[in-house]
C-alpha atoms as a PDB file:
ATOM      1  CA  MET A   1      -0.013   0.067  -0.180  1.00  0.00           C
ATOM      2  CA  THR A   2       1.162   3.260  -0.702  1.00  0.00           C
ATOM      3  CA  PRO A   3       2.136   5.749   2.258  1.00  0.00           C
ATOM      4  CA  ILE A   4      -0.565   8.164   2.999  1.00  0.00           C
ATOM      5  CA  HIS A   5       0.328  11.832   2.243  1.00  0.00           C
ATOM      6  CA  GLU A   6       0.479  14.038   5.538  1.00  0.00           C
ATOM      7  CA  ILE A   7      -0.046  17.842   6.011  1.00  0.00           C
ATOM      8  CA  GLU A   8       0.545  20.287   8.986  1.00  0.00           C
ATOM      9  CA  PRO A   9      -2.452  22.234   9.711  1.00  0.00           C
ATOM     10  CA  SER A  10       0.185  25.429   9.425  1.00  0.00           C
ATOM     11  CA  GLU A  11       0.687  24.248   5.954  1.00  0.00           C
ATOM     12  CA  LEU A  12      -2.889  23.813   5.143  1.00  0.00           C
ATOM     13  CA  ARG A  13      -3.489  27.377   6.619  1.00  0.00           C
ATOM     14  CA  ARG A  14      -0.620  28.966   4.635  1.00  0.00           C
ATOM     15  CA  ARG A  15      -2.341  27.015   1.046  1.00  0.00           C
ATOM     16  CA  LEU A  16      -5.801  28.401   2.167  1.00  0.00           C
ATOM     17  CA  LEU A  17      -4.504  31.862   2.829  1.00  0.00           C
ATOM     18  CA  ALA A  18      -2.997  31.772  -0.527  1.00  0.00           C
ATOM     19  CA  GLY A  19      -6.286  31.248  -2.164  1.00  0.00           C
ATOM     20  CA  GLU A  20      -5.997  27.435  -2.906  1.00  0.00           C
ATOM     21  CA  SER A  21      -9.310  25.866  -4.002  1.00  0.00           C
ATOM     22  CA  LEU A  22      -8.559  22.782  -1.723  1.00  0.00           C
ATOM     23  CA  GLN A  23     -10.868  19.502  -1.299  1.00  0.00           C
ATOM     24  CA  MET A  24     -11.589  19.112   2.745  1.00  0.00           C
ATOM     25  CA  ILE A  25     -13.589  16.330   4.513  1.00  0.00           C
ATOM     26  CA  ASP A  26     -14.254  16.623   7.957  1.00  0.00           C
ATOM     27  CA  VAL A  27     -14.632  12.669   9.532  1.00  0.00           C
ATOM     28  CA  ARG A  28     -15.734  14.124  13.175  1.00  0.00           C
ATOM     29  CA  GLU A  29     -18.956  13.369  14.348  1.00  0.00           C
ATOM     30  CA  ASP A  30     -21.872  16.080  14.720  1.00  0.00           C
ATOM     31  CA  ASP A  31     -21.278  17.631  17.784  1.00  0.00           C
ATOM     32  CA  GLU A  32     -17.667  17.826  17.359  1.00  0.00           C
ATOM     33  CA  VAL A  33     -18.211  19.449  13.960  1.00  0.00           C
ATOM     34  CA  ALA A  34     -21.003  22.096  15.712  1.00  0.00           C
ATOM     35  CA  GLN A  35     -18.058  23.202  18.001  1.00  0.00           C
ATOM     36  CA  GLY A  36     -16.485  24.796  14.386  1.00  0.00           C
ATOM     37  CA  MET A  37     -14.600  23.563  11.569  1.00  0.00           C
ATOM     38  CA  ILE A  38     -12.415  24.829   8.557  1.00  0.00           C
ATOM     39  CA  SER A  39     -14.267  26.849   6.289  1.00  0.00           C
ATOM     40  CA  GLY A  40     -14.580  25.098   3.063  1.00  0.00           C
ATOM     41  CA  ALA A  41     -14.698  21.514   4.508  1.00  0.00           C
ATOM     42  CA  LYS A  42     -17.507  19.293   4.027  1.00  0.00           C
ATOM     43  CA  HIS A  43     -18.762  16.972   6.568  1.00  0.00           C
ATOM     44  CA  ILE A  44     -18.834  13.623   6.403  1.00  0.00           C
ATOM     45  CA  PRO A  45     -18.561  11.418   9.555  1.00  0.00           C
ATOM     46  CA  LEU A  46     -16.126   8.486   9.344  1.00  0.00           C
ATOM     47  CA  GLY A  47     -18.824   5.840   9.822  1.00  0.00           C
ATOM     48  CA  GLN A  48     -20.568   7.289   6.597  1.00  0.00           C
ATOM     49  CA  ILE A  49     -17.959   7.443   4.533  1.00  0.00           C
ATOM     50  CA  PRO A  50     -18.418   4.169   2.787  1.00  0.00           C
ATOM     51  CA  ASP A  51     -21.882   4.690   2.057  1.00  0.00           C
ATOM     52  CA  ARG A  52     -20.965   8.029   0.663  1.00  0.00           C
ATOM     53  CA  LEU A  53     -17.911   7.389  -1.801  1.00  0.00           C
ATOM     54  CA  ASP A  54     -20.305   9.274  -4.223  1.00  0.00           C
ATOM     55  CA  GLU A  55     -19.744  12.436  -2.832  1.00  0.00           C
ATOM     56  CA  ILE A  56     -15.716  12.204  -2.608  1.00  0.00           C
ATOM     57  CA  PRO A  57     -13.600  13.619  -5.317  1.00  0.00           C
ATOM     58  CA  LYS A  58     -11.884  10.686  -7.156  1.00  0.00           C
ATOM     59  CA  GLU A  59      -9.799  13.695  -8.800  1.00  0.00           C
ATOM     60  CA  GLY A  60      -7.191  15.921  -7.342  1.00  0.00           C
ATOM     61  CA  GLU A  61      -6.314  15.911  -3.827  1.00  0.00           C
ATOM     62  CA  VAL A  62      -8.574  15.624  -0.756  1.00  0.00           C
ATOM     63  CA  ILE A  63      -7.605  16.875   2.506  1.00  0.00           C
ATOM     64  CA  MET A  64      -9.319  14.736   5.428  1.00  0.00           C
ATOM     65  CA  ILE A  65      -9.597  16.381   8.935  1.00  0.00           C
ATOM     66  CA  CYS A  66     -10.771  14.953  12.192  1.00  0.00           C
ATOM     67  CA  ARG A  67     -10.112  15.720  16.330  1.00  0.00           C
ATOM     68  CA  SER A  68      -6.531  14.731  16.419  1.00  0.00           C
ATOM     69  CA  GLY A  69      -5.461  13.021  13.119  1.00  0.00           C
ATOM     70  CA  GLY A  70      -6.284   9.264  13.947  1.00  0.00           C
ATOM     71  CA  ARG A  71      -9.833   8.971  12.164  1.00  0.00           C
ATOM     72  CA  SER A  72      -8.719  10.676   9.222  1.00  0.00           C
ATOM     73  CA  MET A  73      -6.039   8.655   8.932  1.00  0.00           C
ATOM     74  CA  ARG A  74      -8.294   5.489   8.886  1.00  0.00           C
ATOM     75  CA  ALA A  75     -10.543   7.353   6.118  1.00  0.00           C
ATOM     76  CA  CYS A  76      -7.830   7.703   3.656  1.00  0.00           C
ATOM     77  CA  GLN A  77      -6.449   4.294   4.246  1.00  0.00           C
ATOM     78  CA  PHE A  78      -9.961   3.188   3.135  1.00  0.00           C
ATOM     79  CA  LEU A  79     -10.147   5.852   0.410  1.00  0.00           C
ATOM     80  CA  GLN A  80      -6.569   5.122  -0.780  1.00  0.00           C
ATOM     81  CA  GLN A  81      -8.187   1.489  -1.525  1.00  0.00           C
ATOM     82  CA  HIS A  82     -10.818   3.069  -3.564  1.00  0.00           C
ATOM     83  CA  GLY A  83      -8.549   5.395  -5.685  1.00  0.00           C
ATOM     84  CA  VAL A  84      -8.923   8.637  -3.941  1.00  0.00           C
ATOM     85  CA  GLU A  85      -5.914  10.337  -3.443  1.00  0.00           C
ATOM     86  CA  CYS A  86      -5.869  11.282  -0.053  1.00  0.00           C
ATOM     87  CA  THR A  87      -4.013  13.727   2.318  1.00  0.00           C
ATOM     88  CA  ASN A  88      -4.148  13.454   6.364  1.00  0.00           C
ATOM     89  CA  MET A  89      -4.097  16.766   8.210  1.00  0.00           C
ATOM     90  CA  THR A  90      -1.795  15.558  11.245  1.00  0.00           C
ATOM     91  CA  GLY A  91      -2.842  16.740  14.584  1.00  0.00           C
ATOM     92  CA  GLY A  92      -6.349  17.410  13.517  1.00  0.00           C
ATOM     93  CA  MET A  93      -8.379  20.150  14.939  1.00  0.00           C
ATOM     94  CA  LEU A  94      -6.693  20.429  18.021  1.00  0.00           C
ATOM     95  CA  GLN A  95      -3.563  21.116  16.482  1.00  0.00           C
ATOM     96  CA  TRP A  96      -5.486  23.563  14.223  1.00  0.00           C
ATOM     97  CA  ASN A  97      -6.941  25.527  17.118  1.00  0.00           C
ATOM     98  CA  ASP A  98      -3.946  25.717  19.074  1.00  0.00           C
ATOM     99  CA  GLU A  99      -1.856  27.156  15.992  1.00  0.00           C
ATOM    100  CA  GLU A 100      -4.536  29.658  15.479  1.00  0.00           C
ATOM    101  CA  ALA A 101      -4.657  30.851  19.017  1.00  0.00           C
END
């Protein structure tokens, strides 16, 4: 299996601020997303990924986001097996929010 690409929250923020149009999917649960998510990200809870594969772009990079990086890594591993080029945001929203503070 090909290694999963990773991106640090600081790099993702830099790319967003530079105006890149990025495909991001937040795999956290509803209650977690209610506390805030990255603008432009699409919410698909991890458990719904297999049933919602048709909503995930097969072209280009897709950045997966969760609370700390574990669930998004599992999502990447699953999606990679289905032909999706995935990048995992390391540290998740915990690191994203820490760096923002």
